[in-house]
Amino acid sequence: MSMAPEELEDFSALYRRAFVDFGASALWSSRPVPDPTPEDALAITRSLRVEGDLRARQLAERIEQACRRAPR
């Protein structure tokens, strides 16, 4: 069984996508960092869920999943 392409993305790619897609609408109070850690990525998920639409909430979930897969 293969994974969908978006499930294979790492948290840093998803983090960057969040700022591209939802920076002005959901992440207006945050600034992207150039080399995000899993903690940086998790820090924006609440804003995506609260300030964003359904797509933003789905992206927040994917970021959380990617952070759980990331090596510590």
PDB file of N, CA and C in Angstrom:
ATOM      1  N   MET A   1       0.849  -1.174   0.000  1.00  0.00           N
ATOM      2  CA  MET A   1       0.000   0.000   0.000  1.00  0.00           C
ATOM      3  C   MET A   1       0.897   1.241   0.000  1.00  0.00           C
ATOM      4  N   SER A   2       0.692   2.143  -0.959  1.00  0.00           N
ATOM      5  CA  SER A   2       1.505   3.348  -1.030  1.00  0.00           C
ATOM      6  C   SER A   2       0.786   4.519  -0.384  1.00  0.00           C
ATOM      7  N   MET A   3       1.576   5.494   0.052  1.00  0.00           N
ATOM      8  CA  MET A   3       1.016   6.669   0.701  1.00  0.00           C
ATOM      9  C   MET A   3       0.766   7.744  -0.349  1.00  0.00           C
ATOM     10  N   ALA A   4      -0.223   8.591  -0.106  1.00  0.00           N
ATOM     11  CA  ALA A   4      -0.482   9.712  -0.995  1.00  0.00           C
ATOM     12  C   ALA A   4       0.702  10.674  -0.943  1.00  0.00           C
ATOM     13  N   PRO A   5       0.977  11.399  -2.019  1.00  0.00           N
ATOM     14  CA  PRO A   5       2.142  12.297  -2.041  1.00  0.00           C
ATOM     15  C   PRO A   5       2.154  13.299  -0.896  1.00  0.00           C
ATOM     16  N   GLU A   6       1.010  13.852  -0.529  1.00  0.00           N
ATOM     17  CA  GLU A   6       1.005  14.831   0.547  1.00  0.00           C
ATOM     18  C   GLU A   6       1.345  14.212   1.896  1.00  0.00           C
ATOM     19  N   GLU A   7       1.123  12.907   2.055  1.00  0.00           N
ATOM     20  CA  GLU A   7       1.471  12.245   3.308  1.00  0.00           C
ATOM     21  C   GLU A   7       2.982  12.039   3.425  1.00  0.00           C
ATOM     22  N   LEU A   8       3.690  12.077   2.310  1.00  0.00           N
ATOM     23  CA  LEU A   8       5.121  11.872   2.317  1.00  0.00           C
ATOM     24  C   LEU A   8       5.889  13.169   2.565  1.00  0.00           C
ATOM     25  N   GLU A   9       5.213  14.302   2.487  1.00  0.00           N
ATOM     26  CA  GLU A   9       5.884  15.579   2.691  1.00  0.00           C
ATOM     27  C   GLU A   9       6.352  15.711   4.131  1.00  0.00           C
ATOM     28  N   ASP A  10       7.477  16.377   4.290  1.00  0.00           N
ATOM     29  CA  ASP A  10       7.956  16.579   5.643  1.00  0.00           C
ATOM     30  C   ASP A  10       7.345  17.846   6.231  1.00  0.00           C
ATOM     31  N   PHE A  11       7.502  18.002   7.516  1.00  0.00           N
ATOM     32  CA  PHE A  11       6.858  19.104   8.208  1.00  0.00           C
ATOM     33  C   PHE A  11       7.342  20.458   7.701  1.00  0.00           C
ATOM     34  N   SER A  12       8.613  20.566   7.288  1.00  0.00           N
ATOM     35  CA  SER A  12       9.114  21.867   6.846  1.00  0.00           C
ATOM     36  C   SER A  12       8.482  22.296   5.520  1.00  0.00           C
ATOM     37  N   ALA A  13       8.234  21.356   4.618  1.00  0.00           N
ATOM     38  CA  ALA A  13       7.553  21.686   3.368  1.00  0.00           C
ATOM     39  C   ALA A  13       6.106  22.101   3.645  1.00  0.00           C
ATOM     40  N   LEU A  14       5.448  21.403   4.552  1.00  0.00           N
ATOM     41  CA  LEU A  14       4.080  21.750   4.907  1.00  0.00           C
ATOM     42  C   LEU A  14       4.023  23.101   5.613  1.00  0.00           C
ATOM     43  N   TYR A  15       5.002  23.381   6.449  1.00  0.00           N
ATOM     44  CA  TYR A  15       5.107  24.661   7.150  1.00  0.00           C
ATOM     45  C   TYR A  15       5.201  25.804   6.131  1.00  0.00           C
ATOM     46  N   ARG A  16       6.090  25.628   5.163  1.00  0.00           N
ATOM     47  CA  ARG A  16       6.244  26.664   4.134  1.00  0.00           C
ATOM     48  C   ARG A  16       4.968  26.834   3.321  1.00  0.00           C
ATOM     49  N   ARG A  17       4.322  25.725   2.989  1.00  0.00           N
ATOM     50  CA  ARG A  17       3.065  25.795   2.243  1.00  0.00           C
ATOM     51  C   ARG A  17       2.008  26.550   3.040  1.00  0.00           C
ATOM     52  N   ALA A  18       1.972  26.345   4.347  1.00  0.00           N
ATOM     53  CA  ALA A  18       0.996  27.042   5.185  1.00  0.00           C
ATOM     54  C   ALA A  18       1.149  28.549   5.051  1.00  0.00           C
ATOM     55  N   PHE A  19       2.389  29.032   5.052  1.00  0.00           N
ATOM     56  CA  PHE A  19       2.598  30.473   4.933  1.00  0.00           C
ATOM     57  C   PHE A  19       2.276  30.984   3.531  1.00  0.00           C
ATOM     58  N   VAL A  20       2.538  30.182   2.523  1.00  0.00           N
ATOM     59  CA  VAL A  20       2.200  30.593   1.152  1.00  0.00           C
ATOM     60  C   VAL A  20       0.683  30.654   0.982  1.00  0.00           C
ATOM     61  N   ASP A  21      -0.003  29.601   1.425  1.00  0.00           N
ATOM     62  CA  ASP A  21      -1.447  29.500   1.193  1.00  0.00           C
ATOM     63  C   ASP A  21      -2.293  30.286   2.189  1.00  0.00           C
ATOM     64  N   PHE A  22      -1.847  30.389   3.436  1.00  0.00           N
ATOM     65  CA  PHE A  22      -2.699  30.958   4.485  1.00  0.00           C
ATOM     66  C   PHE A  22      -2.023  32.053   5.312  1.00  0.00           C
ATOM     67  N   GLY A  23      -0.893  32.543   4.835  1.00  0.00           N
ATOM     68  CA  GLY A  23      -0.166  33.552   5.596  1.00  0.00           C
ATOM     69  C   GLY A  23      -0.997  34.776   5.937  1.00  0.00           C
ATOM     70  N   ALA A  24      -1.663  35.344   4.951  1.00  0.00           N
ATOM     71  CA  ALA A  24      -2.431  36.576   5.178  1.00  0.00           C
ATOM     72  C   ALA A  24      -3.729  36.328   5.922  1.00  0.00           C
ATOM     73  N   SER A  25      -4.333  35.181   5.716  1.00  0.00           N
ATOM     74  CA  SER A  25      -5.655  34.946   6.314  1.00  0.00           C
ATOM     75  C   SER A  25      -5.601  34.287   7.687  1.00  0.00           C
ATOM     76  N   ALA A  26      -4.728  33.325   7.882  1.00  0.00           N
ATOM     77  CA  ALA A  26      -4.725  32.577   9.144  1.00  0.00           C
ATOM     78  C   ALA A  26      -3.456  32.758   9.964  1.00  0.00           C
ATOM     79  N   LEU A  27      -2.371  33.140   9.321  1.00  0.00           N
ATOM     80  CA  LEU A  27      -1.091  33.234  10.029  1.00  0.00           C
ATOM     81  C   LEU A  27      -0.583  34.670  10.073  1.00  0.00           C
ATOM     82  N   TRP A  28      -1.492  35.602  10.037  1.00  0.00           N
ATOM     83  CA  TRP A  28      -1.140  37.028  10.000  1.00  0.00           C
ATOM     84  C   TRP A  28      -0.329  37.463  11.216  1.00  0.00           C
ATOM     85  N   SER A  29      -0.464  36.757  12.330  1.00  0.00           N
ATOM     86  CA  SER A  29       0.260  37.158  13.539  1.00  0.00           C
ATOM     87  C   SER A  29       1.572  36.397  13.718  1.00  0.00           C
ATOM     88  N   SER A  30       1.932  35.577  12.742  1.00  0.00           N
ATOM     89  CA  SER A  30       3.153  34.769  12.821  1.00  0.00           C
ATOM     90  C   SER A  30       4.111  35.151  11.701  1.00  0.00           C
ATOM     91  N   ARG A  31       5.368  34.900  11.938  1.00  0.00           N
ATOM     92  CA  ARG A  31       6.403  35.124  10.944  1.00  0.00           C
ATOM     93  C   ARG A  31       7.089  33.800  10.657  1.00  0.00           C
ATOM     94  N   PRO A  32       7.295  33.473   9.386  1.00  0.00           N
ATOM     95  CA  PRO A  32       7.981  32.201   9.096  1.00  0.00           C
ATOM     96  C   PRO A  32       9.454  32.265   9.481  1.00  0.00           C
ATOM     97  N   VAL A  33       9.955  31.145   9.946  1.00  0.00           N
ATOM     98  CA  VAL A  33      11.389  31.042  10.231  1.00  0.00           C
ATOM     99  C   VAL A  33      12.042  30.300   9.059  1.00  0.00           C
ATOM    100  N   PRO A  34      13.295  30.614   8.749  1.00  0.00           N
ATOM    101  CA  PRO A  34      13.923  30.024   7.564  1.00  0.00           C
ATOM    102  C   PRO A  34      14.169  28.518   7.657  1.00  0.00           C
ATOM    103  N   ASP A  35      14.442  28.014   8.848  1.00  0.00           N
ATOM    104  CA  ASP A  35      14.734  26.587   9.022  1.00  0.00           C
ATOM    105  C   ASP A  35      13.871  26.066  10.176  1.00  0.00           C
ATOM    106  N   PRO A  36      12.595  25.760   9.899  1.00  0.00           N
ATOM    107  CA  PRO A  36      11.675  25.407  10.991  1.00  0.00           C
ATOM    108  C   PRO A  36      11.986  24.067  11.641  1.00  0.00           C
ATOM    109  N   THR A  37      11.768  24.005  12.932  1.00  0.00           N
ATOM    110  CA  THR A  37      11.842  22.761  13.699  1.00  0.00           C
ATOM    111  C   THR A  37      10.430  22.199  13.803  1.00  0.00           C
ATOM    112  N   PRO A  38      10.288  20.966  14.266  1.00  0.00           N
ATOM    113  CA  PRO A  38       8.924  20.452  14.486  1.00  0.00           C
ATOM    114  C   PRO A  38       8.129  21.348  15.441  1.00  0.00           C
ATOM    115  N   GLU A  39       8.789  21.925  16.425  1.00  0.00           N
ATOM    116  CA  GLU A  39       8.100  22.811  17.373  1.00  0.00           C
ATOM    117  C   GLU A  39       7.596  24.072  16.680  1.00  0.00           C
ATOM    118  N   ASP A  40       8.387  24.616  15.759  1.00  0.00           N
ATOM    119  CA  ASP A  40       7.951  25.783  14.979  1.00  0.00           C
ATOM    120  C   ASP A  40       6.720  25.437  14.150  1.00  0.00           C
ATOM    121  N   ALA A  41       6.753  24.271  13.540  1.00  0.00           N
ATOM    122  CA  ALA A  41       5.625  23.851  12.703  1.00  0.00           C
ATOM    123  C   ALA A  41       4.372  23.642  13.551  1.00  0.00           C
ATOM    124  N   LEU A  42       4.532  23.008  14.698  1.00  0.00           N
ATOM    125  CA  LEU A  42       3.373  22.790  15.572  1.00  0.00           C
ATOM    126  C   LEU A  42       2.807  24.100  16.113  1.00  0.00           C
ATOM    127  N   ALA A  43       3.660  25.106  16.257  1.00  0.00           N
ATOM    128  CA  ALA A  43       3.217  26.385  16.813  1.00  0.00           C
ATOM    129  C   ALA A  43       2.201  27.092  15.928  1.00  0.00           C
ATOM    130  N   ILE A  44       2.190  26.812  14.632  1.00  0.00           N
ATOM    131  CA  ILE A  44       1.236  27.493  13.753  1.00  0.00           C
ATOM    132  C   ILE A  44      -0.062  26.717  13.555  1.00  0.00           C
ATOM    133  N   THR A  45      -0.119  25.481  14.023  1.00  0.00           N
ATOM    134  CA  THR A  45      -1.311  24.675  13.753  1.00  0.00           C
ATOM    135  C   THR A  45      -2.562  25.221  14.441  1.00  0.00           C
ATOM    136  N   ARG A  46      -2.413  25.787  15.616  1.00  0.00           N
ATOM    137  CA  ARG A  46      -3.580  26.342  16.295  1.00  0.00           C
ATOM    138  C   ARG A  46      -4.169  27.503  15.497  1.00  0.00           C
ATOM    139  N   SER A  47      -3.319  28.381  14.999  1.00  0.00           N
ATOM    140  CA  SER A  47      -3.796  29.503  14.187  1.00  0.00           C
ATOM    141  C   SER A  47      -4.466  29.013  12.905  1.00  0.00           C
ATOM    142  N   LEU A  48      -3.891  27.980  12.298  1.00  0.00           N
ATOM    143  CA  LEU A  48      -4.521  27.425  11.099  1.00  0.00           C
ATOM    144  C   LEU A  48      -5.917  26.906  11.410  1.00  0.00           C
ATOM    145  N   ARG A  49      -6.072  26.239  12.546  1.00  0.00           N
ATOM    146  CA  ARG A  49      -7.373  25.682  12.918  1.00  0.00           C
ATOM    147  C   ARG A  49      -8.384  26.769  13.276  1.00  0.00           C
ATOM    148  N   VAL A  50      -7.948  27.772  14.028  1.00  0.00           N
ATOM    149  CA  VAL A  50      -8.870  28.797  14.529  1.00  0.00           C
ATOM    150  C   VAL A  50      -9.186  29.850  13.467  1.00  0.00           C
ATOM    151  N   GLU A  51      -8.160  30.320  12.773  1.00  0.00           N
ATOM    152  CA  GLU A  51      -8.328  31.430  11.831  1.00  0.00           C
ATOM    153  C   GLU A  51      -8.602  30.981  10.398  1.00  0.00           C
ATOM    154  N   GLY A  52      -8.303  29.722  10.090  1.00  0.00           N
ATOM    155  CA  GLY A  52      -8.400  29.263   8.714  1.00  0.00           C
ATOM    156  C   GLY A  52      -9.702  28.570   8.376  1.00  0.00           C
ATOM    157  N   ASP A  53      -9.797  28.217   7.108  1.00  0.00           N
ATOM    158  CA  ASP A  53     -10.959  27.493   6.607  1.00  0.00           C
ATOM    159  C   ASP A  53     -10.704  25.976   6.709  1.00  0.00           C
ATOM    160  N   LEU A  54     -11.550  25.204   6.072  1.00  0.00           N
ATOM    161  CA  LEU A  54     -11.415  23.744   6.121  1.00  0.00           C
ATOM    162  C   LEU A  54     -10.065  23.295   5.576  1.00  0.00           C
ATOM    163  N   ARG A  55      -9.615  23.894   4.481  1.00  0.00           N
ATOM    164  CA  ARG A  55      -8.307  23.518   3.917  1.00  0.00           C
ATOM    165  C   ARG A  55      -7.178  23.804   4.899  1.00  0.00           C
ATOM    166  N   ALA A  56      -7.260  24.918   5.611  1.00  0.00           N
ATOM    167  CA  ALA A  56      -6.238  25.256   6.605  1.00  0.00           C
ATOM    168  C   ALA A  56      -6.250  24.249   7.742  1.00  0.00           C
ATOM    169  N   ARG A  57      -7.431  23.848   8.177  1.00  0.00           N
ATOM    170  CA  ARG A  57      -7.523  22.856   9.258  1.00  0.00           C
ATOM    171  C   ARG A  57      -6.965  21.510   8.810  1.00  0.00           C
ATOM    172  N   GLN A  58      -7.221  21.148   7.569  1.00  0.00           N
ATOM    173  CA  GLN A  58      -6.670  19.893   7.060  1.00  0.00           C
ATOM    174  C   GLN A  58      -5.148  19.955   6.974  1.00  0.00           C
ATOM    175  N   LEU A  59      -4.621  21.109   6.588  1.00  0.00           N
ATOM    176  CA  LEU A  59      -3.175  21.280   6.540  1.00  0.00           C
ATOM    177  C   LEU A  59      -2.577  21.207   7.942  1.00  0.00           C
ATOM    178  N   ALA A  60      -3.252  21.774   8.923  1.00  0.00           N
ATOM    179  CA  ALA A  60      -2.781  21.688  10.314  1.00  0.00           C
ATOM    180  C   ALA A  60      -2.666  20.231  10.745  1.00  0.00           C
ATOM    181  N   GLU A  61      -3.633  19.442  10.372  1.00  0.00           N
ATOM    182  CA  GLU A  61      -3.601  18.019  10.720  1.00  0.00           C
ATOM    183  C   GLU A  61      -2.421  17.317  10.047  1.00  0.00           C
ATOM    184  N   ARG A  62      -2.167  17.642   8.788  1.00  0.00           N
ATOM    185  CA  ARG A  62      -1.036  17.037   8.081  1.00  0.00           C
ATOM    186  C   ARG A  62       0.294  17.469   8.694  1.00  0.00           C
ATOM    187  N   ILE A  63       0.384  18.728   9.136  1.00  0.00           N
ATOM    188  CA  ILE A  63       1.608  19.194   9.794  1.00  0.00           C
ATOM    189  C   ILE A  63       1.831  18.403  11.077  1.00  0.00           C
ATOM    190  N   GLU A  64       0.781  18.216  11.855  1.00  0.00           N
ATOM    191  CA  GLU A  64       0.908  17.457  13.105  1.00  0.00           C
ATOM    192  C   GLU A  64       1.352  16.030  12.837  1.00  0.00           C
ATOM    193  N   GLN A  65       0.792  15.399  11.821  1.00  0.00           N
ATOM    194  CA  GLN A  65       1.179  14.033  11.480  1.00  0.00           C
ATOM    195  C   GLN A  65       2.643  13.974  11.051  1.00  0.00           C
ATOM    196  N   ALA A  66       3.067  14.934  10.239  1.00  0.00           N
ATOM    197  CA  ALA A  66       4.458  14.972   9.776  1.00  0.00           C
ATOM    198  C   ALA A  66       5.414  15.201  10.941  1.00  0.00           C
ATOM    199  N   CYS A  67       5.021  16.022  11.889  1.00  0.00           N
ATOM    200  CA  CYS A  67       5.870  16.268  13.065  1.00  0.00           C
ATOM    201  C   CYS A  67       6.007  15.004  13.907  1.00  0.00           C
ATOM    202  N   ARG A  68       4.953  14.220  13.989  1.00  0.00           N
ATOM    203  CA  ARG A  68       5.039  12.956  14.747  1.00  0.00           C
ATOM    204  C   ARG A  68       5.991  11.977  14.054  1.00  0.00           C
ATOM    205  N   ARG A  69       6.071  12.041  12.729  1.00  0.00           N
ATOM    206  CA  ARG A  69       6.965  11.146  11.977  1.00  0.00           C
ATOM    207  C   ARG A  69       8.414  11.621  11.994  1.00  0.00           C
ATOM    208  N   ALA A  70       8.641  12.893  12.286  1.00  0.00           N
ATOM    209  CA  ALA A  70       9.989  13.468  12.224  1.00  0.00           C
ATOM    210  C   ALA A  70      10.890  12.865  13.294  1.00  0.00           C
ATOM    211  N   PRO A  71      12.142  12.607  12.922  1.00  0.00           N
ATOM    212  CA  PRO A  71      13.089  12.094  13.920  1.00  0.00           C
ATOM    213  C   PRO A  71      13.368  13.160  14.980  1.00  0.00           C
ATOM    214  N   ARG A  72      13.569  12.726  16.168  1.00  0.00           N
ATOM    215  CA  ARG A  72      13.824  13.651  17.290  1.00  0.00           C
ATOM    216  C   ARG A  72      15.283  13.681  17.621  1.00  0.00           C
TER     217      ARG A  72
END
